[in-house]
């Protein structure tokens, strides 16, 4: 099971474990685990698209260490503003190969 799947399972467990009157600490940890699940899922998807194949897994792990919250947030802000006339930075355009952003990715960036 992947890290992001484990984090999502943990988030669900924390959110549901006290059904009548959940503690704030459990709910906050659930939200935090959900955030990190999305963060690690995006990194996993990005590195798999850059380097596919099981034999390249060690390289993907090294590449994954280069992702930061700050830079991912900046890119998300650009993706979220793309349909509002903001556009994507010239540095990011070559990586898109002239393709439009997927609506699901834009929706995620806006959230």
N, C-alpha and C. Protein backbone atom coordinates (compact mmCIF):
# COMPACT_ATOMS: atom_id res chain seq x y z
N UNK A 1 0.85 -1.18 0.00
CA UNK A 1 0.00 0.00 0.00
C UNK A 1 0.90 1.25 0.00
N UNK A 2 0.49 2.27 -0.70
CA UNK A 2 1.28 3.50 -0.81
C UNK A 2 1.12 4.37 0.44
N UNK A 3 2.05 5.29 0.60
CA UNK A 3 2.00 6.21 1.74
C UNK A 3 0.71 7.02 1.71
N UNK A 4 0.34 7.53 0.53
CA UNK A 4 -0.87 8.36 0.50
C UNK A 4 -2.13 7.54 0.82
N UNK A 5 -2.16 6.28 0.46
CA UNK A 5 -3.29 5.42 0.82
C UNK A 5 -3.34 5.18 2.32
N UNK A 6 -2.17 4.94 2.91
CA UNK A 6 -2.10 4.75 4.36
C UNK A 6 -2.55 6.00 5.11
N UNK A 7 -2.11 7.17 4.63
CA UNK A 7 -2.50 8.42 5.28
C UNK A 7 -4.00 8.66 5.17
N UNK A 8 -4.58 8.33 4.03
CA UNK A 8 -6.02 8.51 3.86
C UNK A 8 -6.79 7.55 4.77
N UNK A 9 -6.32 6.33 4.90
CA UNK A 9 -6.95 5.37 5.81
C UNK A 9 -6.87 5.87 7.25
N UNK A 10 -5.72 6.43 7.62
CA UNK A 10 -5.56 6.98 8.96
C UNK A 10 -6.52 8.15 9.18
N UNK A 11 -6.67 9.00 8.18
CA UNK A 11 -7.58 10.15 8.29
C UNK A 11 -9.01 9.67 8.51
N UNK A 12 -9.42 8.67 7.75
CA UNK A 12 -10.78 8.13 7.92
C UNK A 12 -10.97 7.55 9.32
N UNK A 13 -9.98 6.81 9.78
CA UNK A 13 -10.05 6.22 11.11
C UNK A 13 -10.20 7.30 12.18
N UNK A 14 -9.38 8.33 12.10
CA UNK A 14 -9.43 9.40 13.09
C UNK A 14 -10.76 10.16 13.05
N UNK A 15 -11.31 10.34 11.87
CA UNK A 15 -12.56 11.08 11.73
C UNK A 15 -13.76 10.29 12.24
N UNK A 16 -13.68 8.96 12.19
CA UNK A 16 -14.84 8.12 12.53
C UNK A 16 -14.74 7.44 13.89
N UNK A 17 -13.61 7.49 14.53
CA UNK A 17 -13.43 6.66 15.73
C UNK A 17 -14.27 7.10 16.91
N UNK A 18 -14.65 8.36 16.98
CA UNK A 18 -15.50 8.86 18.07
C UNK A 18 -16.79 9.40 17.44
N UNK A 19 -17.71 8.50 17.16
CA UNK A 19 -18.88 8.87 16.36
C UNK A 19 -19.84 9.84 17.05
N UNK A 20 -20.00 9.73 18.36
CA UNK A 20 -20.97 10.58 19.05
C UNK A 20 -20.46 12.00 19.26
N UNK A 21 -19.28 12.10 19.82
CA UNK A 21 -18.73 13.43 20.13
C UNK A 21 -17.22 13.42 19.88
N UNK A 22 -16.83 13.60 18.64
CA UNK A 22 -15.39 13.51 18.32
C UNK A 22 -14.58 14.63 18.98
N UNK A 23 -13.40 14.27 19.41
CA UNK A 23 -12.50 15.27 20.00
C UNK A 23 -11.91 16.12 18.89
N UNK A 24 -11.66 17.39 19.21
CA UNK A 24 -11.06 18.31 18.25
C UNK A 24 -9.70 17.80 17.78
N UNK A 25 -8.95 17.21 18.69
CA UNK A 25 -7.62 16.71 18.32
C UNK A 25 -7.73 15.63 17.23
N UNK A 26 -8.71 14.75 17.36
CA UNK A 26 -8.90 13.69 16.36
C UNK A 26 -9.30 14.28 15.01
N UNK A 27 -10.20 15.25 15.04
CA UNK A 27 -10.64 15.88 13.79
C UNK A 27 -9.51 16.65 13.13
N UNK A 28 -8.73 17.36 13.92
CA UNK A 28 -7.60 18.12 13.36
C UNK A 28 -6.55 17.20 12.77
N UNK A 29 -6.26 16.11 13.46
CA UNK A 29 -5.28 15.15 12.93
C UNK A 29 -5.82 14.49 11.65
N UNK A 30 -7.12 14.29 11.59
CA UNK A 30 -7.73 13.72 10.39
C UNK A 30 -7.56 14.67 9.20
N UNK A 31 -7.80 15.94 9.42
CA UNK A 31 -7.63 16.93 8.35
C UNK A 31 -6.17 16.99 7.92
N UNK A 32 -5.27 16.98 8.88
CA UNK A 32 -3.84 17.02 8.58
C UNK A 32 -3.40 15.80 7.78
N UNK A 33 -3.85 14.62 8.20
CA UNK A 33 -3.50 13.40 7.47
C UNK A 33 -4.08 13.43 6.05
N UNK A 34 -5.27 13.99 5.89
CA UNK A 34 -5.87 14.12 4.56
C UNK A 34 -5.04 15.02 3.67
N UNK A 35 -4.58 16.14 4.23
CA UNK A 35 -3.74 17.07 3.47
C UNK A 35 -2.47 16.36 3.01
N UNK A 36 -1.81 15.65 3.92
CA UNK A 36 -0.57 14.97 3.55
C UNK A 36 -0.83 13.83 2.57
N UNK A 37 -2.00 13.21 2.63
CA UNK A 37 -2.34 12.17 1.65
C UNK A 37 -2.39 12.77 0.25
N UNK A 38 -3.03 13.93 0.12
CA UNK A 38 -3.11 14.59 -1.19
C UNK A 38 -1.71 15.02 -1.64
N UNK A 39 -0.94 15.60 -0.74
CA UNK A 39 0.42 16.04 -1.04
C UNK A 39 1.26 14.89 -1.60
N UNK A 40 1.25 13.76 -0.90
CA UNK A 40 2.06 12.61 -1.32
C UNK A 40 1.49 11.92 -2.57
N UNK A 41 0.17 11.96 -2.74
CA UNK A 41 -0.43 11.40 -3.96
C UNK A 41 0.00 12.20 -5.18
N UNK A 42 0.00 13.53 -5.07
CA UNK A 42 0.43 14.37 -6.19
C UNK A 42 1.90 14.12 -6.54
N UNK A 43 2.74 13.99 -5.52
CA UNK A 43 4.16 13.71 -5.76
C UNK A 43 4.32 12.35 -6.43
N UNK A 44 3.60 11.35 -5.93
CA UNK A 44 3.68 10.01 -6.51
C UNK A 44 3.25 10.01 -7.97
N UNK A 45 2.15 10.68 -8.26
CA UNK A 45 1.67 10.75 -9.65
C UNK A 45 2.67 11.47 -10.54
N UNK A 46 3.20 12.58 -10.06
CA UNK A 46 4.16 13.36 -10.86
C UNK A 46 5.42 12.56 -11.15
N UNK A 47 5.97 11.90 -10.14
CA UNK A 47 7.21 11.16 -10.35
C UNK A 47 6.98 9.93 -11.23
N UNK A 48 5.82 9.30 -11.13
CA UNK A 48 5.51 8.16 -12.00
C UNK A 48 5.38 8.59 -13.46
N UNK A 49 4.86 9.79 -13.68
CA UNK A 49 4.75 10.28 -15.06
C UNK A 49 6.11 10.64 -15.63
N UNK A 50 7.02 11.09 -14.76
CA UNK A 50 8.36 11.45 -15.22
C UNK A 50 9.24 10.23 -15.43
N UNK A 51 9.08 9.23 -14.55
CA UNK A 51 9.92 8.02 -14.60
C UNK A 51 9.06 6.80 -14.32
N UNK A 52 8.60 6.17 -15.36
CA UNK A 52 7.76 4.99 -15.17
C UNK A 52 8.62 3.73 -15.05
N UNK A 53 8.00 2.66 -14.60
CA UNK A 53 8.69 1.37 -14.49
C UNK A 53 9.16 1.08 -13.08
N UNK A 54 9.00 -0.18 -12.67
CA UNK A 54 9.40 -0.59 -11.32
C UNK A 54 10.90 -0.47 -11.10
N UNK A 55 11.69 -0.64 -12.16
CA UNK A 55 13.14 -0.57 -12.01
C UNK A 55 13.61 0.86 -11.70
N UNK A 56 12.75 1.84 -11.89
CA UNK A 56 13.13 3.24 -11.65
C UNK A 56 12.60 3.76 -10.31
N UNK A 57 12.06 2.88 -9.50
CA UNK A 57 11.49 3.28 -8.21
C UNK A 57 12.51 4.02 -7.33
N UNK A 58 13.76 3.55 -7.23
CA UNK A 58 14.75 4.30 -6.43
C UNK A 58 14.97 5.73 -6.95
N UNK A 59 14.95 5.89 -8.27
CA UNK A 59 15.09 7.23 -8.85
C UNK A 59 13.88 8.10 -8.53
N UNK A 60 12.69 7.50 -8.55
CA UNK A 60 11.48 8.26 -8.21
C UNK A 60 11.53 8.75 -6.77
N UNK A 61 12.06 7.92 -5.87
CA UNK A 61 12.18 8.35 -4.47
C UNK A 61 13.11 9.55 -4.34
N UNK A 62 14.21 9.53 -5.07
CA UNK A 62 15.13 10.68 -5.05
C UNK A 62 14.46 11.92 -5.63
N UNK A 63 13.76 11.76 -6.72
CA UNK A 63 13.06 12.87 -7.35
C UNK A 63 11.99 13.43 -6.43
N UNK A 64 11.29 12.56 -5.72
CA UNK A 64 10.21 13.00 -4.82
C UNK A 64 10.72 13.93 -3.73
N UNK A 65 11.97 13.76 -3.32
CA UNK A 65 12.53 14.62 -2.27
C UNK A 65 12.70 16.07 -2.73
N UNK A 66 12.66 16.29 -4.03
CA UNK A 66 12.80 17.64 -4.57
C UNK A 66 11.52 18.47 -4.53
N UNK A 67 10.41 17.85 -4.21
CA UNK A 67 9.13 18.57 -4.14
C UNK A 67 9.01 19.26 -2.78
N UNK A 68 8.53 20.49 -2.79
CA UNK A 68 8.33 21.21 -1.53
C UNK A 68 6.90 21.75 -1.47
N UNK A 69 6.43 21.92 -0.26
CA UNK A 69 5.08 22.46 -0.06
C UNK A 69 4.96 23.84 -0.70
N UNK A 70 5.95 24.67 -0.50
CA UNK A 70 5.91 26.04 -1.01
C UNK A 70 5.80 26.07 -2.54
N UNK A 71 6.66 25.32 -3.21
CA UNK A 71 6.62 25.31 -4.67
C UNK A 71 5.34 24.69 -5.21
N UNK A 72 4.88 23.63 -4.57
CA UNK A 72 3.63 23.01 -5.02
C UNK A 72 2.46 23.97 -4.82
N UNK A 73 2.51 24.75 -3.75
CA UNK A 73 1.46 25.75 -3.51
C UNK A 73 1.49 26.81 -4.60
N UNK A 74 2.66 27.26 -4.97
CA UNK A 74 2.79 28.27 -6.03
C UNK A 74 2.23 27.76 -7.36
N UNK A 75 2.56 26.54 -7.69
CA UNK A 75 2.06 25.96 -8.94
C UNK A 75 0.53 25.81 -8.86
N UNK A 76 0.03 25.37 -7.72
CA UNK A 76 -1.42 25.22 -7.56
C UNK A 76 -2.12 26.56 -7.74
N UNK A 77 -1.52 27.62 -7.22
CA UNK A 77 -2.12 28.95 -7.37
C UNK A 77 -2.19 29.35 -8.84
N UNK A 78 -1.16 29.02 -9.60
CA UNK A 78 -1.18 29.31 -11.03
C UNK A 78 -2.23 28.46 -11.75
N UNK A 79 -2.30 27.19 -11.40
CA UNK A 79 -3.29 26.31 -12.02
C UNK A 79 -4.70 26.77 -11.68
N UNK A 80 -4.92 27.18 -10.44
CA UNK A 80 -6.25 27.63 -10.01
C UNK A 80 -6.67 28.90 -10.73
N UNK A 81 -5.72 29.76 -11.04
CA UNK A 81 -6.04 31.02 -11.70
C UNK A 81 -6.08 30.94 -13.21
N UNK A 82 -5.78 29.76 -13.76
CA UNK A 82 -5.67 29.64 -15.21
C UNK A 82 -6.97 30.00 -15.91
N UNK A 83 -8.10 29.57 -15.39
CA UNK A 83 -9.37 29.85 -16.06
C UNK A 83 -9.92 31.22 -15.68
N UNK A 84 -9.29 31.88 -14.72
CA UNK A 84 -9.72 33.22 -14.31
C UNK A 84 -8.85 34.27 -15.00
N UNK A 85 -8.17 33.90 -16.06
CA UNK A 85 -7.35 34.85 -16.80
C UNK A 85 -5.94 34.99 -16.27
N UNK A 86 -5.60 34.23 -15.23
CA UNK A 86 -4.27 34.34 -14.64
C UNK A 86 -3.19 33.72 -15.51
N UNK A 87 -3.45 32.56 -16.04
CA UNK A 87 -2.48 31.88 -16.89
C UNK A 87 -1.40 31.17 -16.11
N UNK A 88 -0.67 30.35 -16.82
CA UNK A 88 0.42 29.57 -16.24
C UNK A 88 1.73 30.24 -16.58
N UNK A 89 2.66 30.22 -15.65
CA UNK A 89 3.96 30.85 -15.84
C UNK A 89 4.67 30.29 -17.06
N UNK A 90 5.46 31.11 -17.76
CA UNK A 90 6.22 30.63 -18.91
C UNK A 90 7.16 29.47 -18.56
N UNK A 91 7.61 29.41 -17.31
CA UNK A 91 8.49 28.31 -16.89
C UNK A 91 7.74 26.97 -16.86
N UNK A 92 6.45 27.01 -16.61
CA UNK A 92 5.66 25.77 -16.53
C UNK A 92 5.11 25.32 -17.88
N UNK A 93 4.96 26.22 -18.80
CA UNK A 93 4.33 25.90 -20.09
C UNK A 93 4.99 24.74 -20.84
N UNK A 94 6.34 24.68 -20.91
CA UNK A 94 6.94 23.55 -21.64
C UNK A 94 6.56 22.19 -21.05
N UNK A 95 6.37 22.13 -19.74
CA UNK A 95 5.99 20.87 -19.10
C UNK A 95 4.59 20.41 -19.44
N UNK A 96 3.76 21.32 -19.93
CA UNK A 96 2.39 20.96 -20.30
C UNK A 96 2.28 20.49 -21.74
N UNK A 97 3.37 20.63 -22.50
CA UNK A 97 3.40 20.18 -23.91
C UNK A 97 2.24 20.74 -24.73
N UNK A 98 1.84 21.95 -24.44
CA UNK A 98 0.75 22.58 -25.19
C UNK A 98 -0.63 22.08 -24.86
N UNK A 99 -0.73 21.18 -23.89
CA UNK A 99 -2.03 20.62 -23.52
C UNK A 99 -2.71 21.50 -22.47
N UNK A 100 -4.03 21.55 -22.48
CA UNK A 100 -4.73 22.30 -21.43
C UNK A 100 -4.65 21.54 -20.11
N UNK A 101 -4.82 22.26 -19.03
CA UNK A 101 -4.85 21.61 -17.72
C UNK A 101 -6.12 20.79 -17.59
N UNK A 102 -6.02 19.65 -16.94
CA UNK A 102 -7.19 18.81 -16.72
C UNK A 102 -8.11 19.51 -15.73
N UNK A 103 -9.42 19.55 -15.99
CA UNK A 103 -10.35 20.22 -15.08
C UNK A 103 -10.28 19.70 -13.64
N UNK A 104 -10.06 18.38 -13.47
CA UNK A 104 -9.95 17.84 -12.11
C UNK A 104 -8.74 18.40 -11.38
N UNK A 105 -7.65 18.60 -12.10
CA UNK A 105 -6.45 19.15 -11.50
C UNK A 105 -6.67 20.62 -11.12
N UNK A 106 -7.37 21.35 -11.96
CA UNK A 106 -7.69 22.75 -11.66
C UNK A 106 -8.60 22.82 -10.44
N UNK A 107 -9.60 21.94 -10.36
CA UNK A 107 -10.51 21.91 -9.21
C UNK A 107 -9.74 21.61 -7.93
N UNK A 108 -8.81 20.67 -7.99
CA UNK A 108 -7.98 20.36 -6.83
C UNK A 108 -7.13 21.56 -6.44
N UNK A 109 -6.56 22.24 -7.42
CA UNK A 109 -5.73 23.41 -7.14
C UNK A 109 -6.54 24.53 -6.50
N UNK A 110 -7.79 24.64 -6.87
CA UNK A 110 -8.65 25.69 -6.30
C UNK A 110 -9.09 25.37 -4.88
N UNK A 111 -9.03 24.12 -4.49
CA UNK A 111 -9.52 23.75 -3.16
C UNK A 111 -8.53 23.90 -2.09
